[in-house]
Amino acid sequence: MKAHLAFISELHAVAVVTRRNDIGVADMIRNSRKAFISDNCSVNIRLMQKFQNELKKLPEGSLCKKKIRGKDRYYHYLPSGVSGVRGKEIYINKNNEMLIRQLARRKFIEDSLQVLEKIIKSDKQRLKSPLAYDPTEVATSLPEAYKDIDYSPILDSTESNHPLAWRNEPYKKNTLHPEKLVYKTQNGLQVRSKSESIIAGLLESENIPFRYEALLVLNEKNYYPDFTILNPQDNQIVYWEHFGMVDDKDYAMAMERKLEVYKRHGIHPWNNLIITYESETNPLNTQRIGRIIKVFLRAE
């Protein structure tokens, strides 16, 4: 009980300080943003090295596509190596789909390396608006010869977490007490509280992909974070929990237990977990929510 009372006292103290001085919160998030830029640079350097090593194992040349008698035919173009001398085109038999995929993969990697070089340069310069590597954007921007190829086997698991695909992917939702989903966002999403509708609405207005009360299994137990977000800054998952009744004793104790579970499973505040609080004396601060989204989640 003493620990609980100390926790509540600390919680209210934090709320008062934050209400008086939002700059402290912004500074904390801004430091997290700087850490992200550093981590982002390291991740992209490793991905670049991976691509460079893989490129050595792929066949040289590129794809050509010609329409002959109404059918698309693929050719393997091999450069001559001599300036001004055109290389040769070798027809790719329809049974040799592997070569088509390998050449497509080669072109994808070559273009990705150019993008990654630009991103790494911006990260090292600590630009205000860090760039994010988007593999699907690279794939869709490839030349016409590569357009009709199924890229799902080409993008591996470290490259394929794309916001559009993630946003449209079905997910398991919380099915408990659907009658409490009485608040609706501008986009028609039904949520359980007015505060959640405000947070969801601000996420929607910034075009930030998120899922409401999506299933999260931790140690074989089901949890449903208020918001599961694909952070546009780095395409990594971030959770957002809004605790709306922290002055209620039982609610606060349940909140404390939940946060402890999250911590044991590597979900930490202002790393991959956003936490906002609300009580009768400290209602939701919409401006503060907007600042959190702007600094911690908005890509630009």
C-alpha atoms as a PDB file:
ATOM      1  CA  MET A   1       0.000   0.000   0.000  1.00  0.00           C
ATOM      2  CA  LYS A   2       2.840   2.400   0.830  1.00  0.00           C
ATOM      3  CA  ALA A   3       4.429   1.681  -2.529  1.00  0.00           C
ATOM      4  CA  HIS A   4       1.108   2.318  -4.227  1.00  0.00           C
ATOM      5  CA  LEU A   5       0.560   5.608  -2.414  1.00  0.00           C
ATOM      6  CA  ALA A   6       4.101   6.674  -3.251  1.00  0.00           C
ATOM      7  CA  PHE A   7       3.472   5.826  -6.894  1.00  0.00           C
ATOM      8  CA  ILE A   8       0.238   7.871  -6.953  1.00  0.00           C
ATOM      9  CA  SER A   9       1.942  10.771  -5.212  1.00  0.00           C
ATOM     10  CA  GLU A  10       4.776  10.683  -7.726  1.00  0.00           C
ATOM     11  CA  LEU A  11       2.302  10.450 -10.584  1.00  0.00           C
ATOM     12  CA  HIS A  12       0.410  13.547  -9.459  1.00  0.00           C
ATOM     13  CA  ALA A  13       3.670  15.392  -8.917  1.00  0.00           C
ATOM     14  CA  VAL A  14       4.742  14.606 -12.464  1.00  0.00           C
ATOM     15  CA  ALA A  15       1.361  15.727 -13.767  1.00  0.00           C
ATOM     16  CA  VAL A  16       1.620  19.078 -11.957  1.00  0.00           C
ATOM     17  CA  VAL A  17       5.165  19.724 -13.137  1.00  0.00           C
ATOM     18  CA  THR A  18       4.268  18.762 -16.693  1.00  0.00           C
ATOM     19  CA  ARG A  19       1.190  20.968 -16.655  1.00  0.00           C
ATOM     20  CA  ARG A  20       3.279  23.927 -15.525  1.00  0.00           C
ATOM     21  CA  ASN A  21       6.144  23.309 -17.882  1.00  0.00           C
ATOM     22  CA  ASP A  22       5.516  21.391 -21.081  1.00  0.00           C
ATOM     23  CA  ILE A  23       9.008  22.235 -22.273  1.00  0.00           C
ATOM     24  CA  GLY A  24      10.452  19.454 -20.105  1.00  0.00           C
ATOM     25  CA  VAL A  25       8.319  16.869 -21.865  1.00  0.00           C
ATOM     26  CA  ALA A  26       9.288  18.244 -25.263  1.00  0.00           C
ATOM     27  CA  ASP A  27      12.985  18.117 -24.315  1.00  0.00           C
ATOM     28  CA  MET A  28      12.651  14.496 -23.210  1.00  0.00           C
ATOM     29  CA  ILE A  29      10.994  13.528 -26.469  1.00  0.00           C
ATOM     30  CA  ARG A  30      13.501  15.559 -28.465  1.00  0.00           C
ATOM     31  CA  ASN A  31      16.344  13.614 -26.831  1.00  0.00           C
ATOM     32  CA  SER A  32      14.575  10.418 -27.807  1.00  0.00           C
ATOM     33  CA  ARG A  33      14.372  11.750 -31.361  1.00  0.00           C
ATOM     34  CA  LYS A  34      18.134  12.373 -31.385  1.00  0.00           C
ATOM     35  CA  ALA A  35      18.696   8.826 -30.157  1.00  0.00           C
ATOM     36  CA  PHE A  36      16.460   7.577 -32.952  1.00  0.00           C
ATOM     37  CA  ILE A  37      18.539   9.417 -35.567  1.00  0.00           C
ATOM     38  CA  SER A  38      21.701   7.768 -34.232  1.00  0.00           C
ATOM     39  CA  ASP A  39      20.065   4.323 -34.152  1.00  0.00           C
ATOM     40  CA  ASN A  40      18.555   4.905 -37.587  1.00  0.00           C
ATOM     41  CA  CYS A  41      21.994   5.650 -39.002  1.00  0.00           C
ATOM     42  CA  SER A  42      23.444   2.440 -37.538  1.00  0.00           C
ATOM     43  CA  VAL A  43      20.550   0.327 -38.825  1.00  0.00           C
ATOM     44  CA  ASN A  44      20.838   1.798 -42.315  1.00  0.00           C
ATOM     45  CA  ILE A  45      24.596   1.252 -42.414  1.00  0.00           C
ATOM     46  CA  ARG A  46      24.077  -2.418 -41.507  1.00  0.00           C
ATOM     47  CA  LEU A  47      21.350  -2.742 -44.152  1.00  0.00           C
ATOM     48  CA  MET A  48      23.626  -1.122 -46.710  1.00  0.00           C
ATOM     49  CA  GLN A  49      26.413  -3.593 -45.903  1.00  0.00           C
ATOM     50  CA  LYS A  50      23.939  -6.455 -46.198  1.00  0.00           C
ATOM     51  CA  PHE A  51      22.864  -5.226 -49.635  1.00  0.00           C
ATOM     52  CA  GLN A  52      26.459  -4.807 -50.812  1.00  0.00           C
ATOM     53  CA  ASN A  53      27.321  -8.376 -49.781  1.00  0.00           C
ATOM     54  CA  GLU A  54      24.198  -9.756 -51.434  1.00  0.00           C
ATOM     55  CA  LEU A  55      24.893  -7.843 -54.634  1.00  0.00           C
ATOM     56  CA  LYS A  56      28.137  -9.802 -55.116  1.00  0.00           C
ATOM     57  CA  LYS A  57      26.154 -13.053 -55.359  1.00  0.00           C
ATOM     58  CA  LEU A  58      23.586 -11.881 -57.917  1.00  0.00           C
ATOM     59  CA  PRO A  59      24.000 -12.173 -61.709  1.00  0.00           C
ATOM     60  CA  GLU A  60      25.326  -9.143 -63.558  1.00  0.00           C
ATOM     61  CA  GLY A  61      23.117  -7.211 -65.950  1.00  0.00           C
ATOM     62  CA  SER A  62      19.527  -6.050 -65.982  1.00  0.00           C
ATOM     63  CA  LEU A  63      16.061  -6.908 -67.245  1.00  0.00           C
ATOM     64  CA  CYS A  64      14.544  -5.878 -70.566  1.00  0.00           C
ATOM     65  CA  LYS A  65      10.928  -6.489 -71.485  1.00  0.00           C
ATOM     66  CA  LYS A  66       9.557  -6.584 -75.022  1.00  0.00           C
ATOM     67  CA  LYS A  67       6.060  -7.238 -76.282  1.00  0.00           C
ATOM     68  CA  ILE A  68       6.186  -9.804 -79.077  1.00  0.00           C
ATOM     69  CA  ARG A  69       2.980 -11.025 -80.724  1.00  0.00           C
ATOM     70  CA  GLY A  70       0.989  -9.542 -77.847  1.00  0.00           C
ATOM     71  CA  LYS A  71       3.008 -11.258 -75.110  1.00  0.00           C
ATOM     72  CA  ASP A  72       5.596  -9.854 -72.742  1.00  0.00           C
ATOM     73  CA  ARG A  73       8.993 -11.478 -73.069  1.00  0.00           C
ATOM     74  CA  TYR A  74      11.914 -10.920 -70.694  1.00  0.00           C
ATOM     75  CA  TYR A  75      15.517 -10.539 -71.791  1.00  0.00           C
ATOM     76  CA  HIS A  76      18.716 -10.536 -69.802  1.00  0.00           C
ATOM     77  CA  TYR A  77      20.765  -7.530 -70.855  1.00  0.00           C
ATOM     78  CA  LEU A  78      24.515  -7.930 -70.376  1.00  0.00           C
ATOM     79  CA  PRO A  79      26.624  -4.797 -70.901  1.00  0.00           C
ATOM     80  CA  SER A  80      29.599  -5.114 -73.258  1.00  0.00           C
ATOM     81  CA  GLY A  81      32.017  -3.375 -70.951  1.00  0.00           C
ATOM     82  CA  VAL A  82      33.211  -1.238 -73.849  1.00  0.00           C
ATOM     83  CA  SER A  83      32.177   2.399 -74.052  1.00  0.00           C
ATOM     84  CA  GLY A  84      29.840   3.060 -76.975  1.00  0.00           C
ATOM     85  CA  VAL A  85      29.302  -0.636 -77.708  1.00  0.00           C
ATOM     86  CA  ARG A  86      25.873  -2.003 -76.863  1.00  0.00           C
ATOM     87  CA  GLY A  87      25.721  -5.193 -74.876  1.00  0.00           C
ATOM     88  CA  LYS A  88      23.732  -8.292 -75.746  1.00  0.00           C
ATOM     89  CA  GLU A  89      20.198  -9.338 -74.887  1.00  0.00           C
ATOM     90  CA  ILE A  90      19.521 -12.983 -74.061  1.00  0.00           C
ATOM     91  CA  TYR A  91      15.959 -14.287 -74.033  1.00  0.00           C
ATOM     92  CA  ILE A  92      14.871 -15.620 -70.655  1.00  0.00           C
ATOM     93  CA  ASN A  93      12.832 -18.775 -70.950  1.00  0.00           C
ATOM     94  CA  LYS A  94       9.493 -18.648 -69.099  1.00  0.00           C
ATOM     95  CA  ASN A  95      10.676 -21.550 -66.942  1.00  0.00           C
ATOM     96  CA  ASN A  96      13.643 -19.531 -65.702  1.00  0.00           C
ATOM     97  CA  GLU A  97      11.668 -17.367 -63.296  1.00  0.00           C
ATOM     98  CA  MET A  98      14.519 -17.451 -60.787  1.00  0.00           C
ATOM     99  CA  LEU A  99      16.761 -15.413 -63.090  1.00  0.00           C
ATOM    100  CA  ILE A 100      14.003 -12.810 -63.505  1.00  0.00           C
ATOM    101  CA  ARG A 101      13.667 -12.509 -59.741  1.00  0.00           C
ATOM    102  CA  GLN A 102      17.431 -12.316 -59.245  1.00  0.00           C
ATOM    103  CA  LEU A 103      17.764  -9.514 -61.781  1.00  0.00           C
ATOM    104  CA  ALA A 104      14.806  -7.726 -60.227  1.00  0.00           C
ATOM    105  CA  ARG A 105      16.422  -8.121 -56.827  1.00  0.00           C
ATOM    106  CA  ARG A 106      19.664  -6.692 -58.220  1.00  0.00           C
ATOM    107  CA  LYS A 107      17.947  -3.590 -59.547  1.00  0.00           C
ATOM    108  CA  PHE A 108      16.034  -3.178 -56.290  1.00  0.00           C
ATOM    109  CA  ILE A 109      19.276  -3.348 -54.289  1.00  0.00           C
ATOM    110  CA  GLU A 110      21.113  -0.944 -56.595  1.00  0.00           C
ATOM    111  CA  ASP A 111      18.352   1.653 -56.242  1.00  0.00           C
ATOM    112  CA  SER A 112      18.037   1.002 -52.495  1.00  0.00           C
ATOM    113  CA  LEU A 113      21.759   1.645 -52.025  1.00  0.00           C
ATOM    114  CA  GLN A 114      21.383   5.067 -53.627  1.00  0.00           C
ATOM    115  CA  VAL A 115      18.477   5.886 -51.295  1.00  0.00           C
ATOM    116  CA  LEU A 116      20.335   4.600 -48.228  1.00  0.00           C
ATOM    117  CA  GLU A 117      23.419   6.676 -49.080  1.00  0.00           C
ATOM    118  CA  LYS A 118      21.230   9.790 -49.090  1.00  0.00           C
ATOM    119  CA  ILE A 119      19.540   8.828 -45.793  1.00  0.00           C
ATOM    120  CA  ILE A 120      22.825   8.025 -44.039  1.00  0.00           C
ATOM    121  CA  LYS A 121      24.233  11.352 -45.158  1.00  0.00           C
ATOM    122  CA  SER A 122      21.203  13.188 -43.756  1.00  0.00           C
ATOM    123  CA  ASP A 123      21.437  11.227 -40.481  1.00  0.00           C
ATOM    124  CA  LYS A 124      25.086  12.116 -40.044  1.00  0.00           C
ATOM    125  CA  GLN A 125      24.256  15.774 -40.649  1.00  0.00           C
ATOM    126  CA  ARG A 126      21.519  15.501 -37.981  1.00  0.00           C
ATOM    127  CA  LEU A 127      18.927  17.115 -40.196  1.00  0.00           C
ATOM    128  CA  LYS A 128      15.759  18.378 -38.520  1.00  0.00           C
ATOM    129  CA  SER A 129      13.624  16.041 -40.634  1.00  0.00           C
ATOM    130  CA  PRO A 130      15.309  12.599 -40.756  1.00  0.00           C
ATOM    131  CA  LEU A 131      14.530  10.450 -43.768  1.00  0.00           C
ATOM    132  CA  ALA A 132      13.127   6.930 -43.646  1.00  0.00           C
ATOM    133  CA  TYR A 133      13.971   4.032 -45.944  1.00  0.00           C
ATOM    134  CA  ASP A 134      10.815   2.788 -47.687  1.00  0.00           C
ATOM    135  CA  PRO A 135      11.500  -0.431 -49.664  1.00  0.00           C
ATOM    136  CA  THR A 136       8.076  -0.530 -51.284  1.00  0.00           C
ATOM    137  CA  GLU A 137       8.564   2.985 -52.607  1.00  0.00           C
ATOM    138  CA  VAL A 138      11.862   1.863 -54.136  1.00  0.00           C
ATOM    139  CA  ALA A 139      10.213  -1.199 -55.691  1.00  0.00           C
ATOM    140  CA  THR A 140       7.325   0.767 -57.208  1.00  0.00           C
ATOM    141  CA  SER A 141       9.705   3.324 -58.722  1.00  0.00           C
ATOM    142  CA  LEU A 142      11.684   0.746 -60.716  1.00  0.00           C
ATOM    143  CA  PRO A 143      11.581   0.856 -64.537  1.00  0.00           C
ATOM    144  CA  GLU A 144       8.722  -0.592 -66.574  1.00  0.00           C
ATOM    145  CA  ALA A 145      10.469  -3.937 -67.139  1.00  0.00           C
ATOM    146  CA  TYR A 146      10.178  -4.631 -63.400  1.00  0.00           C
ATOM    147  CA  LYS A 147       6.571  -3.527 -62.893  1.00  0.00           C
ATOM    148  CA  ASP A 148       4.676  -6.820 -63.219  1.00  0.00           C
ATOM    149  CA  ILE A 149       6.970  -8.887 -61.020  1.00  0.00           C
ATOM    150  CA  ASP A 150       5.691 -10.197 -57.698  1.00  0.00           C
ATOM    151  CA  TYR A 151       7.916  -8.452 -55.180  1.00  0.00           C
ATOM    152  CA  SER A 152       6.730 -10.306 -52.081  1.00  0.00           C
ATOM    153  CA  PRO A 153       9.582 -12.856 -52.317  1.00  0.00           C
ATOM    154  CA  ILE A 154      12.020 -10.049 -53.169  1.00  0.00           C
ATOM    155  CA  LEU A 155      11.491  -7.953 -50.035  1.00  0.00           C
ATOM    156  CA  ASP A 156      12.774  -9.862 -47.018  1.00  0.00           C
ATOM    157  CA  SER A 157      11.495  -9.439 -43.455  1.00  0.00           C
ATOM    158  CA  THR A 158      13.992  -6.681 -42.619  1.00  0.00           C
ATOM    159  CA  GLU A 159      12.802  -4.564 -45.543  1.00  0.00           C
ATOM    160  CA  SER A 160       9.074  -5.126 -45.932  1.00  0.00           C
ATOM    161  CA  ASN A 161       7.474  -3.291 -42.984  1.00  0.00           C
ATOM    162  CA  HIS A 162       5.759  -0.671 -45.111  1.00  0.00           C
ATOM    163  CA  PRO A 163       3.117   1.732 -43.740  1.00  0.00           C
ATOM    164  CA  LEU A 164       0.566   1.187 -46.512  1.00  0.00           C
ATOM    165  CA  ALA A 165       0.720  -2.597 -46.246  1.00  0.00           C
ATOM    166  CA  TRP A 166       0.678  -2.447 -42.441  1.00  0.00           C
ATOM    167  CA  ARG A 167      -2.246  -0.015 -42.364  1.00  0.00           C
ATOM    168  CA  ASN A 168      -4.425  -2.291 -44.535  1.00  0.00           C
ATOM    169  CA  GLU A 169      -3.425  -5.568 -42.915  1.00  0.00           C
ATOM    170  CA  PRO A 170      -6.233  -7.172 -40.845  1.00  0.00           C
ATOM    171  CA  TYR A 171      -5.546  -7.553 -37.124  1.00  0.00           C
ATOM    172  CA  LYS A 172      -7.190  -9.064 -34.058  1.00  0.00           C
ATOM    173  CA  LYS A 173      -9.062  -6.460 -32.025  1.00  0.00           C
ATOM    174  CA  ASN A 174     -10.455  -6.272 -28.524  1.00  0.00           C
ATOM    175  CA  THR A 175     -13.966  -7.750 -28.681  1.00  0.00           C
ATOM    176  CA  LEU A 176     -14.900  -7.038 -25.055  1.00  0.00           C
ATOM    177  CA  HIS A 177     -17.740  -4.601 -24.316  1.00  0.00           C
ATOM    178  CA  PRO A 178     -18.409  -3.345 -27.848  1.00  0.00           C
ATOM    179  CA  GLU A 179     -21.331  -1.348 -26.419  1.00  0.00           C
ATOM    180  CA  LYS A 180     -18.781   1.049 -24.888  1.00  0.00           C
ATOM    181  CA  LEU A 181     -17.415   2.062 -28.282  1.00  0.00           C
ATOM    182  CA  VAL A 182     -19.599   5.156 -28.334  1.00  0.00           C
ATOM    183  CA  TYR A 183     -17.199   7.877 -29.523  1.00  0.00           C
ATOM    184  CA  LYS A 184     -16.386   8.255 -33.198  1.00  0.00           C
ATOM    185  CA  THR A 185     -13.452   9.909 -34.944  1.00  0.00           C
ATOM    186  CA  GLN A 186     -13.719  11.956 -38.121  1.00  0.00           C
ATOM    187  CA  ASN A 187     -12.743   8.858 -40.124  1.00  0.00           C
ATOM    188  CA  GLY A 188     -15.456   6.789 -38.460  1.00  0.00           C
ATOM    189  CA  LEU A 189     -13.332   4.825 -35.973  1.00  0.00           C
ATOM    190  CA  GLN A 190     -15.296   3.983 -32.822  1.00  0.00           C
ATOM    191  CA  VAL A 191     -13.426   4.276 -29.517  1.00  0.00           C
ATOM    192  CA  ARG A 192     -14.277   4.126 -25.824  1.00  0.00           C
ATOM    193  CA  SER A 193     -13.625   7.665 -24.592  1.00  0.00           C
ATOM    194  CA  LYS A 194     -13.646  11.239 -25.732  1.00  0.00           C
ATOM    195  CA  SER A 195      -9.934  11.528 -24.986  1.00  0.00           C
ATOM    196  CA  GLU A 196      -9.159   8.494 -27.149  1.00  0.00           C
ATOM    197  CA  SER A 197     -11.199  10.015 -29.958  1.00  0.00           C
ATOM    198  CA  ILE A 198      -9.081  13.176 -29.715  1.00  0.00           C
ATOM    199  CA  ILE A 199      -5.810  11.221 -29.824  1.00  0.00           C
ATOM    200  CA  ALA A 200      -7.055   9.040 -32.686  1.00  0.00           C
ATOM    201  CA  GLY A 201      -8.316  12.087 -34.556  1.00  0.00           C
ATOM    202  CA  LEU A 202      -4.944  13.822 -34.283  1.00  0.00           C
ATOM    203  CA  LEU A 203      -3.168  10.667 -35.487  1.00  0.00           C
ATOM    204  CA  GLU A 204      -5.588  10.479 -38.410  1.00  0.00           C
ATOM    205  CA  SER A 205      -5.051  14.129 -39.297  1.00  0.00           C
ATOM    206  CA  GLU A 206      -1.292  13.531 -39.458  1.00  0.00           C
ATOM    207  CA  ASN A 207      -1.821  10.386 -41.577  1.00  0.00           C
ATOM    208  CA  ILE A 208       0.040   8.279 -39.011  1.00  0.00           C
ATOM    209  CA  PRO A 209      -0.842   4.566 -39.373  1.00  0.00           C
ATOM    210  CA  PHE A 210      -2.230   3.059 -36.177  1.00  0.00           C
ATOM    211  CA  ARG A 211      -4.422   0.263 -34.864  1.00  0.00           C
ATOM    212  CA  TYR A 212      -6.941   0.697 -32.078  1.00  0.00           C
ATOM    213  CA  GLU A 213      -6.953  -1.920 -29.297  1.00  0.00           C
ATOM    214  CA  ALA A 214      -4.968  -4.432 -31.350  1.00  0.00           C
ATOM    215  CA  LEU A 215      -4.107  -7.740 -29.695  1.00  0.00           C
ATOM    216  CA  LEU A 216      -0.686  -7.903 -28.060  1.00  0.00           C
ATOM    217  CA  VAL A 217       0.305 -11.276 -26.567  1.00  0.00           C
ATOM    218  CA  LEU A 218       2.887 -11.125 -23.777  1.00  0.00           C
ATOM    219  CA  ASN A 219       3.854 -14.300 -21.976  1.00  0.00           C
ATOM    220  CA  GLU A 220       0.705 -16.053 -23.330  1.00  0.00           C
ATOM    221  CA  LYS A 221      -1.561 -13.330 -21.915  1.00  0.00           C
ATOM    222  CA  ASN A 222      -3.644 -10.990 -24.054  1.00  0.00           C
ATOM    223  CA  TYR A 223      -3.277  -7.230 -23.828  1.00  0.00           C
ATOM    224  CA  TYR A 224      -4.893  -4.509 -25.902  1.00  0.00           C
ATOM    225  CA  PRO A 225      -2.870  -1.266 -25.948  1.00  0.00           C
ATOM    226  CA  ASP A 226      -5.023   1.745 -26.771  1.00  0.00           C
ATOM    227  CA  PHE A 227      -2.997   2.466 -29.898  1.00  0.00           C
ATOM    228  CA  THR A 228      -0.421   0.418 -31.768  1.00  0.00           C
ATOM    229  CA  ILE A 229       1.421   2.784 -34.097  1.00  0.00           C
ATOM    230  CA  LEU A 230       3.816   2.272 -36.973  1.00  0.00           C
ATOM    231  CA  ASN A 231       6.161   5.183 -36.360  1.00  0.00           C
ATOM    232  CA  PRO A 232       6.693   7.021 -39.683  1.00  0.00           C
ATOM    233  CA  GLN A 233      10.145   8.096 -38.505  1.00  0.00           C
ATOM    234  CA  ASP A 234      11.615   4.584 -38.581  1.00  0.00           C
ATOM    235  CA  ASN A 235       8.803   2.108 -39.405  1.00  0.00           C
ATOM    236  CA  GLN A 236       9.055   0.616 -35.907  1.00  0.00           C
ATOM    237  CA  ILE A 237       6.128  -0.246 -33.648  1.00  0.00           C
ATOM    238  CA  VAL A 238       5.262   2.190 -30.855  1.00  0.00           C
ATOM    239  CA  TYR A 239       2.471   1.693 -28.321  1.00  0.00           C
ATOM    240  CA  TRP A 240       0.378   4.474 -26.825  1.00  0.00           C
ATOM    241  CA  GLU A 241      -1.516   4.027 -23.589  1.00  0.00           C
ATOM    242  CA  HIS A 242      -3.799   6.786 -22.358  1.00  0.00           C
ATOM    243  CA  PHE A 243      -4.732   6.379 -18.694  1.00  0.00           C
ATOM    244  CA  GLY A 244      -7.845   8.418 -18.096  1.00  0.00           C
ATOM    245  CA  MET A 245      -8.696   7.804 -14.429  1.00  0.00           C
ATOM    246  CA  VAL A 246      -5.414   7.918 -12.521  1.00  0.00           C
ATOM    247  CA  ASP A 247      -7.094   9.359  -9.446  1.00  0.00           C
ATOM    248  CA  ASP A 248      -9.067   6.119  -9.061  1.00  0.00           C
ATOM    249  CA  LYS A 249      -7.180   3.772  -6.703  1.00  0.00           C
ATOM    250  CA  ASP A 250      -8.031   0.463  -8.396  1.00  0.00           C
ATOM    251  CA  TYR A 251      -7.485   1.906 -11.861  1.00  0.00           C
ATOM    252  CA  ALA A 252      -4.070   3.277 -10.872  1.00  0.00           C
ATOM    253  CA  MET A 253      -2.990  -0.068  -9.416  1.00  0.00           C
ATOM    254  CA  ALA A 254      -4.048  -1.885 -12.609  1.00  0.00           C
ATOM    255  CA  MET A 255      -2.152   0.718 -14.627  1.00  0.00           C
ATOM    256  CA  GLU A 256       0.970   0.148 -12.523  1.00  0.00           C
ATOM    257  CA  ARG A 257       0.755  -3.627 -13.065  1.00  0.00           C
ATOM    258  CA  LYS A 258       0.293  -3.213 -16.810  1.00  0.00           C
ATOM    259  CA  LEU A 259       3.292  -0.911 -17.139  1.00  0.00           C
ATOM    260  CA  GLU A 260       5.400  -3.358 -15.167  1.00  0.00           C
ATOM    261  CA  VAL A 261       4.434  -6.152 -17.585  1.00  0.00           C
ATOM    262  CA  TYR A 262       5.334  -3.932 -20.513  1.00  0.00           C
ATOM    263  CA  LYS A 263       8.706  -3.151 -18.940  1.00  0.00           C
ATOM    264  CA  ARG A 264       9.500  -6.855 -18.464  1.00  0.00           C
ATOM    265  CA  HIS A 265       8.876  -7.387 -22.186  1.00  0.00           C
ATOM    266  CA  GLY A 266      11.035  -4.540 -23.446  1.00  0.00           C
ATOM    267  CA  ILE A 267       8.286  -1.942 -23.870  1.00  0.00           C
ATOM    268  CA  HIS A 268       9.610   1.189 -22.185  1.00  0.00           C
ATOM    269  CA  PRO A 269       8.204   4.724 -21.864  1.00  0.00           C
ATOM    270  CA  TRP A 270       9.436   7.185 -24.497  1.00  0.00           C
ATOM    271  CA  ASN A 271      11.378   4.444 -26.220  1.00  0.00           C
ATOM    272  CA  ASN A 272       8.604   2.365 -27.762  1.00  0.00           C
ATOM    273  CA  LEU A 273       5.770   3.372 -25.428  1.00  0.00           C
ATOM    274  CA  ILE A 274       3.971   6.714 -25.183  1.00  0.00           C
ATOM    275  CA  ILE A 275       2.053   7.295 -21.952  1.00  0.00           C
ATOM    276  CA  THR A 276      -0.451  10.046 -21.283  1.00  0.00           C
ATOM    277  CA  TYR A 277      -2.456  10.565 -18.103  1.00  0.00           C
ATOM    278  CA  GLU A 278      -5.714  12.192 -17.147  1.00  0.00           C
ATOM    279  CA  SER A 279      -7.654  12.827 -13.941  1.00  0.00           C
ATOM    280  CA  GLU A 280     -10.528  15.020 -12.809  1.00  0.00           C
ATOM    281  CA  THR A 281      -8.125  17.794 -11.850  1.00  0.00           C
ATOM    282  CA  ASN A 282      -5.774  17.242 -14.792  1.00  0.00           C
ATOM    283  CA  PRO A 283      -7.888  16.736 -17.952  1.00  0.00           C
ATOM    284  CA  LEU A 284      -6.498  15.878 -21.357  1.00  0.00           C
ATOM    285  CA  ASN A 285      -4.292  18.616 -22.782  1.00  0.00           C
ATOM    286  CA  THR A 286      -4.923  18.535 -26.534  1.00  0.00           C
ATOM    287  CA  GLN A 287      -2.032  20.866 -27.298  1.00  0.00           C
ATOM    288  CA  ARG A 288       0.373  18.596 -25.426  1.00  0.00           C
ATOM    289  CA  ILE A 289      -0.925  15.588 -27.365  1.00  0.00           C
ATOM    290  CA  GLY A 290      -0.286  17.492 -30.575  1.00  0.00           C
ATOM    291  CA  ARG A 291       3.275  18.267 -29.514  1.00  0.00           C
ATOM    292  CA  ILE A 292       3.945  14.622 -28.664  1.00  0.00           C
ATOM    293  CA  ILE A 293       2.750  13.548 -32.102  1.00  0.00           C
ATOM    294  CA  LYS A 294       4.719  16.305 -33.829  1.00  0.00           C
ATOM    295  CA  VAL A 295       8.014  15.518 -32.121  1.00  0.00           C
ATOM    296  CA  PHE A 296       7.835  11.776 -31.521  1.00  0.00           C
ATOM    297  CA  LEU A 297       5.780  10.451 -34.442  1.00  0.00           C
ATOM    298  CA  ARG A 298       5.647  12.879 -37.342  1.00  0.00           C
ATOM    299  CA  ALA A 299       8.147  12.043 -40.092  1.00  0.00           C
ATOM    300  CA  GLU A 300       8.657  15.533 -41.487  1.00  0.00           C
END
